[in-house]
Amino acid sequence: AKKNETNSTTLLEDDVGIQEVYIESLDLGFNNVGEGRGYAKALQQLIESEKACPRVLRLDCCSVGAPACRAIGKALVNQGSKKGYGSKLRSKRLLRELYLSGNPLGDVG
């Protein structure tokens, strides 16, 4: 990759012509990530991100519990309520599919 002289950042598009890279589907299934707050916060940040949010997120059998479910729910609410989402909803990177089967979600989740 080449260096951009104006800000010294490495630009992938210089080498292969890619201007933006998106994650269409992220499958983290069958990874025992547990219920840690750090994981829940990371999921929330991923879903709320306009540029990094995948369209499909698979978290099957990951030991996802109530804390992560609350974070996911909060992220989905925040994702739809951010300024500018209303008129450009189709062009934004929004989570369209979420798979949580095989997780101990419980009543709170």
Protein backbone atom coordinates (compact mmCIF):
# COMPACT_ATOMS: atom_id res chain seq x y z
CA ALA A 1 0.00 0.00 0.00
CA LYS A 2 1.14 3.53 -0.72
CA LYS A 3 1.34 6.40 1.71
CA ASN A 4 -0.90 9.41 1.23
CA GLU A 5 1.36 12.47 1.37
CA THR A 6 -1.28 14.69 2.98
CA ASN A 7 -2.02 12.61 6.06
CA SER A 8 0.51 9.73 5.97
CA THR A 9 -2.17 7.03 6.16
CA THR A 10 -1.95 3.81 4.21
CA LEU A 11 -4.59 3.71 1.51
CA LEU A 12 -5.73 0.38 0.18
CA GLU A 13 -7.54 2.07 -2.69
CA ASP A 14 -4.21 3.23 -4.16
CA ASP A 15 -3.23 -0.37 -4.80
CA VAL A 16 -6.48 -2.12 -5.69
CA GLY A 17 -8.98 0.64 -6.41
CA ILE A 18 -11.14 -0.03 -3.33
CA GLN A 19 -12.63 3.09 -1.79
CA GLU A 20 -14.78 1.49 0.92
CA VAL A 21 -14.81 -1.99 2.38
CA TYR A 22 -17.86 -3.34 4.18
CA ILE A 23 -18.50 -6.50 6.14
CA GLU A 24 -21.59 -8.07 4.63
CA SER A 25 -21.79 -10.99 7.05
CA LEU A 26 -19.94 -11.69 10.30
CA ASP A 27 -20.21 -15.20 11.73
CA LEU A 28 -18.92 -15.52 15.30
CA GLY A 29 -20.99 -18.61 15.98
CA PHE A 30 -19.73 -21.38 18.26
CA ASN A 31 -17.17 -19.16 19.97
CA ASN A 32 -17.58 -19.21 23.72
CA VAL A 33 -17.42 -15.47 24.28
CA GLY A 34 -19.49 -15.50 27.45
CA GLU A 35 -21.25 -12.62 29.11
CA GLY A 36 -18.41 -10.19 29.75
CA ARG A 37 -19.14 -6.46 29.69
CA GLY A 38 -16.28 -5.86 27.28
CA TYR A 39 -17.84 -8.21 24.74
CA ALA A 40 -21.28 -6.64 25.19
CA LYS A 41 -19.84 -3.15 24.69
CA ALA A 42 -17.90 -4.27 21.61
CA LEU A 43 -21.07 -5.72 20.07
CA GLN A 44 -22.93 -2.49 20.79
CA GLN A 45 -20.21 -0.38 19.17
CA LEU A 46 -20.09 -2.67 16.13
CA ILE A 47 -23.85 -2.47 15.55
CA GLU A 48 -23.98 1.30 16.13
CA SER A 49 -21.13 1.94 13.69
CA GLU A 50 -22.29 3.39 10.37
CA LYS A 51 -19.25 2.04 8.56
CA ALA A 52 -18.44 -1.23 10.34
CA CYS A 53 -21.86 -2.71 11.03
CA PRO A 54 -22.38 -5.97 9.13
CA ARG A 55 -25.75 -6.62 7.48
CA VAL A 56 -25.79 -10.15 8.97
CA LEU A 57 -24.45 -11.01 12.44
CA ARG A 58 -24.38 -14.64 13.55
CA LEU A 59 -23.87 -15.25 17.26
CA ASP A 60 -25.21 -18.82 17.43
CA CYS A 61 -24.10 -20.83 20.47
CA CYS A 62 -21.74 -18.15 21.81
CA SER A 63 -22.94 -18.19 25.44
CA VAL A 64 -24.49 -14.77 24.84
CA GLY A 65 -26.56 -13.83 27.89
CA ALA A 66 -28.65 -10.96 29.16
CA PRO A 67 -25.89 -8.28 29.28
CA ALA A 68 -25.01 -8.79 25.61
CA CYS A 69 -28.68 -8.91 24.64
CA ARG A 70 -29.30 -5.60 26.40
CA ALA A 71 -26.31 -4.09 24.59
CA ILE A 72 -27.55 -5.42 21.23
CA GLY A 73 -31.04 -4.05 21.90
CA LYS A 74 -29.67 -0.66 22.89
CA ALA A 75 -27.49 -0.59 19.76
CA LEU A 76 -30.45 -1.40 17.52
CA VAL A 77 -32.50 1.40 19.08
CA ASN A 78 -29.59 3.83 18.81
CA GLN A 79 -28.86 2.74 15.24
CA GLY A 80 -32.33 3.74 14.08
CA SER A 81 -32.51 6.95 16.07
CA LYS A 82 -29.22 8.55 15.02
CA LYS A 83 -29.57 11.84 13.21
CA GLY A 84 -29.78 11.33 9.48
CA TYR A 85 -30.93 7.72 9.54
CA GLY A 86 -34.56 8.54 8.74
CA SER A 87 -34.12 9.93 5.24
CA LYS A 88 -31.15 7.78 4.24
CA LEU A 89 -32.11 4.55 5.99
CA ARG A 90 -31.47 2.32 2.99
CA SER A 91 -27.99 3.68 2.29
CA LYS A 92 -26.72 3.34 5.88
CA ARG A 93 -25.04 0.20 7.14
CA LEU A 94 -27.80 -1.34 9.25
CA LEU A 95 -27.98 -4.77 10.84
CA ARG A 96 -30.64 -6.67 8.87
CA GLU A 97 -30.28 -10.18 10.27
CA LEU A 98 -29.29 -11.29 13.77
CA TYR A 99 -28.93 -14.93 14.80
CA LEU A 100 -28.88 -15.77 18.52
CA SER A 101 -30.02 -19.40 18.60
CA GLY A 102 -28.47 -21.72 21.15
CA ASN A 103 -27.68 -18.99 23.67
CA PRO A 104 -28.83 -18.80 27.33
CA LEU A 105 -30.78 -15.58 26.81
CA GLY A 106 -33.23 -16.13 29.65
CA ASP A 107 -36.26 -13.92 30.34
CA VAL A 108 -34.21 -10.72 30.53
CA GLY A 109 -32.47 -11.36 27.20
